[in-house]
C-alpha atoms as a PDB file:
ATOM      1  CA  MET A   1       0.000   0.000   0.000  1.00  0.00           C
ATOM      2  CA  ARG A   2       1.235   3.467  -0.822  1.00  0.00           C
ATOM      3  CA  PHE A   3       1.212   5.699   2.248  1.00  0.00           C
ATOM      4  CA  TYR A   4       1.231   9.502   2.098  1.00  0.00           C
ATOM      5  CA  ASP A   5       1.830  11.326   5.363  1.00  0.00           C
ATOM      6  CA  SER A   6       0.517  14.638   4.021  1.00  0.00           C
ATOM      7  CA  LEU A   7      -1.504  16.055   1.157  1.00  0.00           C
ATOM      8  CA  ASP A   8       1.668  17.538  -0.326  1.00  0.00           C
ATOM      9  CA  ALA A   9       3.193  14.060  -0.595  1.00  0.00           C
ATOM     10  CA  ILE A  10       0.530  12.933  -3.083  1.00  0.00           C
ATOM     11  CA  PRO A  11       1.785  12.921  -6.704  1.00  0.00           C
ATOM     12  CA  ASP A  12       0.417  15.833  -8.732  1.00  0.00           C
ATOM     13  CA  SER A  13      -0.855  13.622 -11.538  1.00  0.00           C
ATOM     14  CA  PRO A  14      -2.404  10.370 -10.319  1.00  0.00           C
ATOM     15  CA  ALA A  15      -2.123   7.486 -12.741  1.00  0.00           C
ATOM     16  CA  SER A  16      -5.856   6.927 -12.475  1.00  0.00           C
ATOM     17  CA  ARG A  17      -8.915   8.519 -10.942  1.00  0.00           C
ATOM     18  CA  ARG A  18      -9.422   7.665  -7.290  1.00  0.00           C
ATOM     19  CA  VAL A  19     -12.355   6.219  -5.403  1.00  0.00           C
ATOM     20  CA  VAL A  20     -11.908   7.739  -1.956  1.00  0.00           C
ATOM     21  CA  ALA A  21     -13.201   6.699   1.468  1.00  0.00           C
ATOM     22  CA  ILE A  22     -13.017   9.402   4.149  1.00  0.00           C
ATOM     23  CA  GLY A  23     -13.032   8.914   7.909  1.00  0.00           C
ATOM     24  CA  VAL A  24     -10.979   8.819  11.071  1.00  0.00           C
ATOM     25  CA  PHE A  25     -11.216   5.009  10.923  1.00  0.00           C
ATOM     26  CA  ASP A  26      -9.983   4.539  14.501  1.00  0.00           C
ATOM     27  CA  GLY A  27     -10.152   0.804  15.107  1.00  0.00           C
ATOM     28  CA  VAL A  28     -11.103  -0.026  11.506  1.00  0.00           C
ATOM     29  CA  HIS A  29     -14.187  -1.672  13.000  1.00  0.00           C
ATOM     30  CA  ARG A  30     -16.988  -3.425  11.148  1.00  0.00           C
ATOM     31  CA  GLY A  31     -18.665  -0.137  10.274  1.00  0.00           C
ATOM     32  CA  HIS A  32     -15.452   1.174   8.758  1.00  0.00           C
ATOM     33  CA  GLN A  33     -14.921  -2.123   6.980  1.00  0.00           C
ATOM     34  CA  ARG A  34     -18.319  -1.741   5.320  1.00  0.00           C
ATOM     35  CA  ILE A  35     -17.205   1.588   3.821  1.00  0.00           C
ATOM     36  CA  ILE A  36     -13.848   0.213   2.683  1.00  0.00           C
ATOM     37  CA  LEU A  37     -15.338  -2.904   1.118  1.00  0.00           C
ATOM     38  CA  GLU A  38     -17.870  -0.783  -0.758  1.00  0.00           C
ATOM     39  CA  THR A  39     -14.985   1.399  -1.968  1.00  0.00           C
ATOM     40  CA  LEU A  40     -13.220  -1.676  -3.322  1.00  0.00           C
ATOM     41  CA  ALA A  41     -16.421  -2.958  -4.923  1.00  0.00           C
ATOM     42  CA  GLN A  42     -16.769   0.326  -6.819  1.00  0.00           C
ATOM     43  CA  ILE A  43     -13.346   0.031  -8.444  1.00  0.00           C
ATOM     44  CA  GLU A  44     -13.557  -3.662  -9.310  1.00  0.00           C
ATOM     45  CA  GLY A  45     -12.856  -4.107 -12.999  1.00  0.00           C
ATOM     46  CA  THR A  46     -12.365  -0.369 -13.632  1.00  0.00           C
ATOM     47  CA  GLY A  47      -8.630  -0.020 -13.060  1.00  0.00           C
ATOM     48  CA  GLY A  48      -9.310   2.757 -10.564  1.00  0.00           C
ATOM     49  CA  ILE A  49      -7.397   3.356  -7.338  1.00  0.00           C
ATOM     50  CA  GLY A  50      -8.973   2.640  -3.945  1.00  0.00           C
ATOM     51  CA  ALA A  51      -7.793   5.208  -1.397  1.00  0.00           C
ATOM     52  CA  ALA A  52      -8.647   6.153   2.169  1.00  0.00           C
ATOM     53  CA  VAL A  53      -8.232   9.580   3.750  1.00  0.00           C
ATOM     54  CA  THR A  54      -7.771   9.695   7.496  1.00  0.00           C
ATOM     55  CA  PHE A  55      -6.662  12.381   9.937  1.00  0.00           C
ATOM     56  CA  GLU A  56      -3.633  12.500  12.203  1.00  0.00           C
ATOM     57  CA  PRO A  57      -3.786  13.201  15.070  1.00  0.00           C
ATOM     58  CA  HIS A  58      -7.386  12.385  15.975  1.00  0.00           C
ATOM     59  CA  PRO A  59      -9.387  15.609  15.454  1.00  0.00           C
ATOM     60  CA  GLU A  60     -10.656  15.574  19.039  1.00  0.00           C
ATOM     61  CA  ALA A  61      -7.052  15.700  20.286  1.00  0.00           C
ATOM     62  CA  VAL A  62      -6.756  19.099  18.588  1.00  0.00           C
ATOM     63  CA  LEU A  63     -10.235  20.522  19.085  1.00  0.00           C
ATOM     64  CA  ARG A  64     -10.829  19.243  22.642  1.00  0.00           C
ATOM     65  CA  PRO A  65      -7.501  17.968  23.988  1.00  0.00           C
ATOM     66  CA  TYR A  66      -8.935  17.754  27.512  1.00  0.00           C
ATOM     67  CA  ALA A  67     -11.406  15.153  26.231  1.00  0.00           C
ATOM     68  CA  ALA A  68      -9.290  13.422  23.582  1.00  0.00           C
ATOM     69  CA  PRO A  69     -10.377   9.774  23.209  1.00  0.00           C
ATOM     70  CA  ARG A  70      -8.143   6.827  23.923  1.00  0.00           C
ATOM     71  CA  LEU A  71      -7.239   5.383  20.529  1.00  0.00           C
ATOM     72  CA  LEU A  72      -8.117   1.878  19.405  1.00  0.00           C
ATOM     73  CA  THR A  73      -5.319   1.805  16.838  1.00  0.00           C
ATOM     74  CA  THR A  74      -2.066   3.604  16.163  1.00  0.00           C
ATOM     75  CA  LEU A  75      -1.612   5.038  12.680  1.00  0.00           C
ATOM     76  CA  THR A  76       0.728   2.147  11.854  1.00  0.00           C
ATOM     77  CA  ARG A  77      -1.837  -0.444  12.932  1.00  0.00           C
ATOM     78  CA  LYS A  78      -4.600   1.396  11.080  1.00  0.00           C
ATOM     79  CA  ALA A  79      -2.527   1.268   7.904  1.00  0.00           C
ATOM     80  CA  GLU A  80      -1.918  -2.476   8.354  1.00  0.00           C
ATOM     81  CA  LEU A  81      -5.622  -3.170   8.739  1.00  0.00           C
ATOM     82  CA  LEU A  82      -6.632  -1.044   5.759  1.00  0.00           C
ATOM     83  CA  GLU A  83      -3.991  -2.669   3.595  1.00  0.00           C
ATOM     84  CA  ALA A  84      -5.222  -6.108   4.650  1.00  0.00           C
ATOM     85  CA  LEU A  85      -8.677  -5.155   3.355  1.00  0.00           C
ATOM     86  CA  GLY A  86      -7.152  -4.418  -0.057  1.00  0.00           C
ATOM     87  CA  LEU A  87      -6.735  -0.647  -0.229  1.00  0.00           C
ATOM     88  CA  GLU A  88      -3.990   0.668  -2.482  1.00  0.00           C
ATOM     89  CA  GLU A  89      -3.451   4.068  -0.865  1.00  0.00           C
ATOM     90  CA  LEU A  90      -3.736   5.752   2.521  1.00  0.00           C
ATOM     91  CA  VAL A  91      -3.464   9.497   3.027  1.00  0.00           C
ATOM     92  CA  ALA A  92      -2.954  10.750   6.578  1.00  0.00           C
ATOM     93  CA  VAL A  93      -3.988  14.407   6.540  1.00  0.00           C
ATOM     94  CA  ARG A  94      -2.288  16.490   9.213  1.00  0.00           C
ATOM     95  CA  PHE A  95      -5.138  17.748  11.389  1.00  0.00           C
ATOM     96  CA  ASP A  96      -4.230  20.997  13.131  1.00  0.00           C
ATOM     97  CA  ARG A  97      -5.970  24.237  14.058  1.00  0.00           C
ATOM     98  CA  GLU A  98      -5.452  25.687  10.599  1.00  0.00           C
ATOM     99  CA  PHE A  99      -6.946  22.649   8.880  1.00  0.00           C
ATOM    100  CA  SER A 100      -9.886  22.658  11.289  1.00  0.00           C
ATOM    101  CA  GLN A 101     -10.810  26.161  10.095  1.00  0.00           C
ATOM    102  CA  LEU A 102     -11.385  25.092   6.489  1.00  0.00           C
ATOM    103  CA  SER A 103     -14.880  25.646   5.143  1.00  0.00           C
ATOM    104  CA  PRO A 104     -16.628  22.634   3.590  1.00  0.00           C
ATOM    105  CA  LEU A 105     -15.970  24.144   0.138  1.00  0.00           C
ATOM    106  CA  SER A 106     -12.255  24.613   0.865  1.00  0.00           C
ATOM    107  CA  PHE A 107     -12.006  21.075   2.273  1.00  0.00           C
ATOM    108  CA  CYS A 108     -13.511  19.584  -0.878  1.00  0.00           C
ATOM    109  CA  ARG A 109     -11.355  21.650  -3.199  1.00  0.00           C
ATOM    110  CA  LEU A 110      -8.070  21.100  -1.331  1.00  0.00           C
ATOM    111  CA  VAL A 111      -8.437  17.421  -0.461  1.00  0.00           C
ATOM    112  CA  LEU A 112     -10.756  15.854  -2.996  1.00  0.00           C
ATOM    113  CA  SER A 113     -10.239  17.875  -6.167  1.00  0.00           C
ATOM    114  CA  ASP A 114      -6.786  19.453  -6.159  1.00  0.00           C
ATOM    115  CA  ARG A 115      -4.829  16.649  -4.510  1.00  0.00           C
ATOM    116  CA  LEU A 116      -6.760  13.423  -5.046  1.00  0.00           C
ATOM    117  CA  GLY A 117      -8.710  13.922  -8.235  1.00  0.00           C
ATOM    118  CA  ALA A 118     -11.567  11.895  -6.789  1.00  0.00           C
ATOM    119  CA  CYS A 119     -14.215  10.439  -9.088  1.00  0.00           C
ATOM    120  CA  LEU A 120     -16.262   8.889  -6.262  1.00  0.00           C
ATOM    121  CA  VAL A 121     -16.248   9.658  -2.533  1.00  0.00           C
ATOM    122  CA  LEU A 122     -17.635   7.250   0.085  1.00  0.00           C
ATOM    123  CA  VAL A 123     -18.488   8.277   3.654  1.00  0.00           C
ATOM    124  CA  GLY A 124     -20.650   7.085   6.507  1.00  0.00           C
ATOM    125  CA  GLU A 125     -24.177   8.453   6.366  1.00  0.00           C
ATOM    126  CA  ASN A 126     -23.508  10.612   9.460  1.00  0.00           C
ATOM    127  CA  PHE A 127     -20.361  12.205   8.002  1.00  0.00           C
ATOM    128  CA  ARG A 128     -19.635  15.822   8.928  1.00  0.00           C
ATOM    129  CA  PHE A 129     -16.740  17.935   7.714  1.00  0.00           C
ATOM    130  CA  GLY A 130     -15.388  21.468   7.517  1.00  0.00           C
ATOM    131  CA  HIS A 131     -15.159  24.106  10.253  1.00  0.00           C
ATOM    132  CA  GLN A 132     -17.121  22.999  13.338  1.00  0.00           C
ATOM    133  CA  GLY A 133     -18.539  20.103  11.328  1.00  0.00           C
ATOM    134  CA  CYS A 134     -20.893  22.401   9.432  1.00  0.00           C
ATOM    135  CA  GLY A 135     -20.664  20.378   6.206  1.00  0.00           C
ATOM    136  CA  SER A 136     -23.090  17.496   5.606  1.00  0.00           C
ATOM    137  CA  VAL A 137     -23.349  14.659   3.110  1.00  0.00           C
ATOM    138  CA  ALA A 138     -25.752  16.861   1.130  1.00  0.00           C
ATOM    139  CA  ASP A 139     -23.103  19.593   0.953  1.00  0.00           C
ATOM    140  CA  LEU A 140     -20.555  17.033  -0.210  1.00  0.00           C
ATOM    141  CA  ARG A 141     -22.918  15.860  -2.940  1.00  0.00           C
ATOM    142  CA  GLY A 142     -23.562  19.419  -4.057  1.00  0.00           C
ATOM    143  CA  TYR A 143     -19.880  20.182  -4.387  1.00  0.00           C
ATOM    144  CA  GLY A 144     -19.218  16.896  -6.142  1.00  0.00           C
ATOM    145  CA  LYS A 145     -21.940  17.577  -8.708  1.00  0.00           C
ATOM    146  CA  ASP A 146     -20.204  20.821  -9.675  1.00  0.00           C
ATOM    147  CA  HIS A 147     -16.673  19.414  -9.610  1.00  0.00           C
ATOM    148  CA  GLY A 148     -16.852  16.027 -11.230  1.00  0.00           C
ATOM    149  CA  PHE A 149     -17.270  13.410  -8.521  1.00  0.00           C
ATOM    150  CA  SER A 150     -20.205  11.508  -7.099  1.00  0.00           C
ATOM    151  CA  VAL A 151     -20.860  10.693  -3.445  1.00  0.00           C
ATOM    152  CA  ALA A 152     -22.097   7.512  -1.780  1.00  0.00           C
ATOM    153  CA  ALA A 153     -23.284   7.599   1.833  1.00  0.00           C
ATOM    154  CA  VAL A 154     -22.845   4.127   3.314  1.00  0.00           C
ATOM    155  CA  PRO A 155     -25.434   3.033   5.923  1.00  0.00           C
ATOM    156  CA  LEU A 156     -24.031   2.653   9.424  1.00  0.00           C
ATOM    157  CA  ALA A 157     -23.455  -0.874  10.695  1.00  0.00           C
ATOM    158  CA  GLU A 158     -25.393  -2.040  13.754  1.00  0.00           C
ATOM    159  CA  GLU A 159     -24.989  -4.728  16.389  1.00  0.00           C
ATOM    160  CA  SER A 160     -27.809  -5.609  18.818  1.00  0.00           C
ATOM    161  CA  GLY A 161     -29.801  -2.598  17.635  1.00  0.00           C
ATOM    162  CA  GLU A 162     -27.014  -0.086  18.311  1.00  0.00           C
ATOM    163  CA  ILE A 163     -24.690   1.673  15.914  1.00  0.00           C
ATOM    164  CA  ILE A 164     -21.168   0.255  15.783  1.00  0.00           C
ATOM    165  CA  SER A 165     -18.872   3.150  16.598  1.00  0.00           C
ATOM    166  CA  SER A 166     -15.371   3.725  17.908  1.00  0.00           C
ATOM    167  CA  THR A 167     -16.897   5.455  20.933  1.00  0.00           C
ATOM    168  CA  ARG A 168     -19.004   2.406  21.776  1.00  0.00           C
ATOM    169  CA  ILE A 169     -16.014   0.093  21.420  1.00  0.00           C
ATOM    170  CA  ARG A 170     -13.831   2.308  23.631  1.00  0.00           C
ATOM    171  CA  MET A 171     -16.473   2.155  26.351  1.00  0.00           C
ATOM    172  CA  LEU A 172     -16.635  -1.635  26.176  1.00  0.00           C
ATOM    173  CA  ILE A 173     -12.852  -1.878  26.486  1.00  0.00           C
ATOM    174  CA  LYS A 174     -12.842   0.579  29.376  1.00  0.00           C
ATOM    175  CA  ARG A 175     -15.330  -1.704  31.146  1.00  0.00           C
ATOM    176  CA  GLY A 176     -13.281  -4.821  30.421  1.00  0.00           C
ATOM    177  CA  ARG A 177     -15.856  -6.247  28.021  1.00  0.00           C
ATOM    178  CA  VAL A 178     -13.218  -7.225  25.498  1.00  0.00           C
ATOM    179  CA  ALA A 179     -15.146 -10.119  23.924  1.00  0.00           C
ATOM    180  CA  GLU A 180     -17.994  -7.743  23.023  1.00  0.00           C
ATOM    181  CA  ALA A 181     -15.496  -5.207  21.703  1.00  0.00           C
ATOM    182  CA  ALA A 182     -13.984  -7.926  19.511  1.00  0.00           C
ATOM    183  CA  ARG A 183     -17.372  -8.648  17.941  1.00  0.00           C
ATOM    184  CA  LEU A 184     -17.749  -4.998  16.930  1.00  0.00           C
ATOM    185  CA  LEU A 185     -14.172  -4.687  15.741  1.00  0.00           C
ATOM    186  CA  GLY A 186     -14.300  -7.922  13.800  1.00  0.00           C
ATOM    187  CA  ARG A 187     -11.158  -9.083  15.633  1.00  0.00           C
ATOM    188  CA  PRO A 188      -9.724  -8.797  19.178  1.00  0.00           C
ATOM    189  CA  HIS A 189      -8.546  -5.470  20.552  1.00  0.00           C
ATOM    190  CA  ARG A 190      -4.757  -5.413  20.302  1.00  0.00           C
ATOM    191  CA  LEU A 191      -1.988  -3.685  22.236  1.00  0.00           C
ATOM    192  CA  ALA A 192       1.510  -3.791  20.792  1.00  0.00           C
ATOM    193  CA  GLY A 193       4.863  -2.686  22.106  1.00  0.00           C
ATOM    194  CA  VAL A 194       8.298  -3.669  23.257  1.00  0.00           C
ATOM    195  CA  VAL A 195       9.027  -6.061  26.123  1.00  0.00           C
ATOM    196  CA  VAL A 196      10.863  -4.195  28.879  1.00  0.00           C
ATOM    197  CA  GLU A 197      12.469  -5.340  32.093  1.00  0.00           C
ATOM    198  CA  GLY A 198      10.213  -5.249  35.133  1.00  0.00           C
ATOM    199  CA  ALA A 199      10.664  -6.066  38.799  1.00  0.00           C
ATOM    200  CA  GLN A 200      11.038  -9.771  37.867  1.00  0.00           C
ATOM    201  CA  ARG A 201       8.565 -10.604  40.619  1.00  0.00           C
ATOM    202  CA  GLY A 202       6.752 -13.022  38.325  1.00  0.00           C
ATOM    203  CA  ARG A 203       9.969 -14.998  37.922  1.00  0.00           C
ATOM    204  CA  GLU A 204      10.325 -15.129  41.703  1.00  0.00           C
ATOM    205  CA  LEU A 205       6.767 -16.458  41.931  1.00  0.00           C
ATOM    206  CA  GLY A 206       7.447 -19.123  39.333  1.00  0.00           C
ATOM    207  CA  ALA A 207       5.411 -17.397  36.616  1.00  0.00           C
ATOM    208  CA  PRO A 208       7.729 -15.105  34.574  1.00  0.00           C
ATOM    209  CA  THR A 209       5.881 -12.466  32.609  1.00  0.00           C
ATOM    210  CA  ALA A 210       6.647 -10.195  29.661  1.00  0.00           C
ATOM    211  CA  ASN A 211       6.167  -6.548  30.630  1.00  0.00           C
ATOM    212  CA  LEU A 212       4.776  -4.635  27.660  1.00  0.00           C
ATOM    213  CA  ALA A 213       5.501  -0.945  27.071  1.00  0.00           C
ATOM    214  CA  VAL A 214       2.839   0.514  24.751  1.00  0.00           C
ATOM    215  CA  GLU A 215       2.353   3.906  23.168  1.00  0.00           C
ATOM    216  CA  ARG A 216       0.621   6.507  25.309  1.00  0.00           C
ATOM    217  CA  GLY A 217      -2.977   7.387  24.559  1.00  0.00           C
ATOM    218  CA  LEU A 218      -4.193   3.913  23.609  1.00  0.00           C
ATOM    219  CA  ALA A 219      -7.367   2.299  24.926  1.00  0.00           C
ATOM    220  CA  ILE A 220      -6.376   0.053  27.836  1.00  0.00           C
ATOM    221  CA  PRO A 221      -8.831  -2.552  29.183  1.00  0.00           C
ATOM    222  CA  ARG A 222     -10.215  -2.221  32.699  1.00  0.00           C
ATOM    223  CA  LEU A 223      -7.830  -3.348  35.434  1.00  0.00           C
ATOM    224  CA  GLY A 224      -7.997  -7.102  35.638  1.00  0.00           C
ATOM    225  CA  VAL A 225      -6.776 -10.375  34.170  1.00  0.00           C
ATOM    226  CA  TYR A 226      -7.576 -11.530  30.638  1.00  0.00           C
ATOM    227  CA  VAL A 227      -7.240 -14.500  28.358  1.00  0.00           C
ATOM    228  CA  THR A 228      -4.996 -13.210  25.579  1.00  0.00           C
ATOM    229  CA  ARG A 229      -3.174 -14.280  22.456  1.00  0.00           C
ATOM    230  CA  THR A 230       0.385 -13.052  22.051  1.00  0.00           C
ATOM    231  CA  VAL A 231       1.623 -12.483  18.503  1.00  0.00           C
ATOM    232  CA  PHE A 232       5.337 -12.358  17.675  1.00  0.00           C
ATOM    233  CA  GLY A 233       6.870 -10.332  14.889  1.00  0.00           C
ATOM    234  CA  ASP A 234       7.000 -13.348  12.573  1.00  0.00           C
ATOM    235  CA  GLY A 235       3.269 -13.923  12.999  1.00  0.00           C
ATOM    236  CA  THR A 236       3.569 -16.817  15.448  1.00  0.00           C
ATOM    237  CA  LYS A 237       0.647 -16.843  17.914  1.00  0.00           C
ATOM    238  CA  TRP A 238       0.970 -18.050  21.503  1.00  0.00           C
ATOM    239  CA  PRO A 239      -1.685 -18.623  24.202  1.00  0.00           C
ATOM    240  CA  SER A 240      -1.258 -16.271  27.118  1.00  0.00           C
ATOM    241  CA  VAL A 241      -2.882 -14.650  30.108  1.00  0.00           C
ATOM    242  CA  THR A 242      -2.403 -10.929  30.723  1.00  0.00           C
ATOM    243  CA  SER A 243      -2.702  -8.765  33.815  1.00  0.00           C
ATOM    244  CA  VAL A 244      -3.595  -5.113  33.360  1.00  0.00           C
ATOM    245  CA  GLY A 245      -3.084  -3.650  36.794  1.00  0.00           C
ATOM    246  CA  THR A 246      -1.191  -1.719  39.412  1.00  0.00           C
ATOM    247  CA  ASN A 247       0.192  -4.734  41.330  1.00  0.00           C
ATOM    248  CA  PRO A 248      -1.603  -3.688  44.545  1.00  0.00           C
ATOM    249  CA  THR A 249      -0.206  -6.667  46.460  1.00  0.00           C
ATOM    250  CA  PHE A 250       3.332  -5.278  46.164  1.00  0.00           C
ATOM    251  CA  GLU A 251       3.341  -1.784  44.636  1.00  0.00           C
ATOM    252  CA  VAL A 252       2.065   1.578  45.879  1.00  0.00           C
ATOM    253  CA  ASP A 253       2.789   3.810  42.863  1.00  0.00           C
ATOM    254  CA  ARG A 254      -0.503   2.874  41.128  1.00  0.00           C
ATOM    255  CA  ARG A 255       1.241   2.796  37.745  1.00  0.00           C
ATOM    256  CA  VAL A 256      -0.667   0.583  35.344  1.00  0.00           C
ATOM    257  CA  ARG A 257       1.418  -2.347  34.109  1.00  0.00           C
ATOM    258  CA  ILE A 258       0.644  -4.778  31.291  1.00  0.00           C
ATOM    259  CA  GLU A 259       2.200  -8.144  32.157  1.00  0.00           C
ATOM    260  CA  THR A 260       1.739 -11.202  29.971  1.00  0.00           C
ATOM    261  CA  LEU A 261       2.364 -14.795  30.959  1.00  0.00           C
ATOM    262  CA  LEU A 262       2.931 -16.924  27.843  1.00  0.00           C
ATOM    263  CA  LEU A 263       1.635 -20.406  28.614  1.00  0.00           C
ATOM    264  CA  GLY A 264       4.327 -23.036  28.199  1.00  0.00           C
ATOM    265  CA  PHE A 265       6.830 -20.608  26.708  1.00  0.00           C
ATOM    266  CA  ALA A 266      10.520 -20.851  27.560  1.00  0.00           C
ATOM    267  CA  GLY A 267      12.814 -18.079  26.400  1.00  0.00           C
ATOM    268  CA  THR A 268      13.797 -14.448  26.804  1.00  0.00           C
ATOM    269  CA  LEU A 269      11.735 -11.695  25.200  1.00  0.00           C
ATOM    270  CA  TYR A 270      13.454  -8.532  26.456  1.00  0.00           C
ATOM    271  CA  GLY A 271      13.617  -6.001  23.656  1.00  0.00           C
ATOM    272  CA  SER A 272      11.225  -7.931  21.419  1.00  0.00           C
ATOM    273  CA  ASN A 273       8.205  -6.339  19.805  1.00  0.00           C
ATOM    274  CA  ILE A 274       5.054  -8.313  20.519  1.00  0.00           C
ATOM    275  CA  SER A 275       1.317  -7.798  20.228  1.00  0.00           C
ATOM    276  CA  VAL A 276      -1.311  -8.893  22.739  1.00  0.00           C
ATOM    277  CA  ASP A 277      -4.876  -9.647  21.584  1.00  0.00           C
ATOM    278  CA  PHE A 278      -7.497  -9.466  24.357  1.00  0.00           C
ATOM    279  CA  LEU A 279      -9.965 -12.344  24.032  1.00  0.00           C
ATOM    280  CA  GLU A 280     -11.922 -12.726  27.280  1.00  0.00           C
ATOM    281  CA  LYS A 281     -11.911 -11.281  30.764  1.00  0.00           C
ATOM    282  CA  ILE A 282     -11.140 -13.663  33.633  1.00  0.00           C
ATOM    283  CA  ARG A 283     -11.524 -11.384  36.643  1.00  0.00           C
ATOM    284  CA  ASP A 284     -11.041  -7.901  38.066  1.00  0.00           C
ATOM    285  CA  GLN A 285      -7.833  -6.855  39.767  1.00  0.00           C
ATOM    286  CA  LEU A 286      -7.520  -8.237  43.306  1.00  0.00           C
ATOM    287  CA  THR A 287      -5.274  -7.534  46.287  1.00  0.00           C
ATOM    288  CA  PHE A 288      -3.811 -10.649  47.941  1.00  0.00           C
ATOM    289  CA  PRO A 289      -2.653 -11.001  51.549  1.00  0.00           C
ATOM    290  CA  ASP A 290       0.666 -12.579  50.605  1.00  0.00           C
ATOM    291  CA  ALA A 291       2.824 -13.863  47.750  1.00  0.00           C
ATOM    292  CA  GLY A 292       1.607 -17.427  48.182  1.00  0.00           C
ATOM    293  CA  SER A 293      -2.019 -16.454  47.666  1.00  0.00           C
ATOM    294  CA  LEU A 294      -1.094 -14.459  44.581  1.00  0.00           C
ATOM    295  CA  THR A 295       0.897 -17.378  43.139  1.00  0.00           C
ATOM    296  CA  GLU A 296      -2.026 -19.732  43.671  1.00  0.00           C
ATOM    297  CA  ARG A 297      -4.343 -17.330  41.833  1.00  0.00           C
ATOM    298  CA  ILE A 298      -1.891 -16.871  38.949  1.00  0.00           C
ATOM    299  CA  TYR A 299      -1.844 -20.642  38.398  1.00  0.00           C
ATOM    300  CA  ARG A 300      -5.631 -20.725  38.495  1.00  0.00           C
ATOM    301  CA  ASP A 301      -5.858 -17.911  35.948  1.00  0.00           C
ATOM    302  CA  ALA A 302      -3.437 -19.801  33.716  1.00  0.00           C
ATOM    303  CA  GLU A 303      -5.604 -22.910  33.889  1.00  0.00           C
ATOM    304  CA  ILE A 304      -8.683 -20.881  32.946  1.00  0.00           C
ATOM    305  CA  ALA A 305      -6.795 -19.515  29.960  1.00  0.00           C
ATOM    306  CA  ARG A 306      -5.666 -22.988  28.907  1.00  0.00           C
ATOM    307  CA  GLY A 307      -9.261 -24.145  29.075  1.00  0.00           C
ATOM    308  CA  TYR A 308     -10.305 -21.265  26.849  1.00  0.00           C
ATOM    309  CA  PHE A 309      -7.889 -22.402  24.135  1.00  0.00           C
ATOM    310  CA  ASP A 310      -8.796 -26.107  24.365  1.00  0.00           C
ATOM    311  CA  GLY A 311     -10.324 -27.184  21.081  1.00  0.00           C
ATOM    312  CA  ARG A 312      -9.866 -23.734  19.521  1.00  0.00           C
ATOM    313  CA  ALA A 313      -6.927 -24.254  17.211  1.00  0.00           C
ATOM    314  CA  ASP A 314      -8.279 -21.462  14.984  1.00  0.00           C
ATOM    315  CA  LEU A 315      -7.081 -18.927  17.552  1.00  0.00           C
ATOM    316  CA  LEU A 316      -3.434 -19.939  17.221  1.00  0.00           C
END
């Protein structure tokens, strides 16, 4: 997939007209996937280019930084997911105060006409754009009619009678309801990062864990213990159980730590980049009276996780 980190990076003369999907696409959830798949369907057999336009950073981080949402995906992960769907191009528009002031007309001219040469634009049916979100799908259609592109508003996807949205998924993750979040995403929620050295207390307890350092600002599940799947850089998947917590039995700093116990794994992971997929919640965070009680519970959690994977070879 060709990736452009700004509008200026886009070649002046595209080889072919573009069919363009627009959205923040945080999480690339099932609703987003519906838009992308429709984009790809529109170019099938035409030789056109399927492209997505997203915004970096998340617009709310600029407009309302005090209320900026926790992200479901980094830009890198978003690009991976969009490429896996079959898109040829991704444009990450730099969203800043100046860009936020653009009128709907200026947005269409700058992004869709001058830089992308769009022939068809696809958006969710609730799409808003331009300064203070004053532009609607009807405005987009009106501009497109005068400037050579058509517009398709894709119906929003629903699950259990509610709209699938990034906001809804963030709330589920915040509450620890990771299995429900996975259904809306179309895959498990994933945290990725580098394995760093911790206090090595897990090793002392006979259950060595990989301590994961992730990017700031990502959606972290509610404090507790989860059945997870750890994915190595080469794509190998490993059953695991992960604690998201502050280690209240031993620590007082209340710093949230993500510690993963890979079931049956023997080896050193320090410095490795791994990903952790959250599959099912086992329990909330607990405080134990002593190390022995904690060790006993860790072994029990591991057995629950092993039971989860029994007969589910498709997960690994």
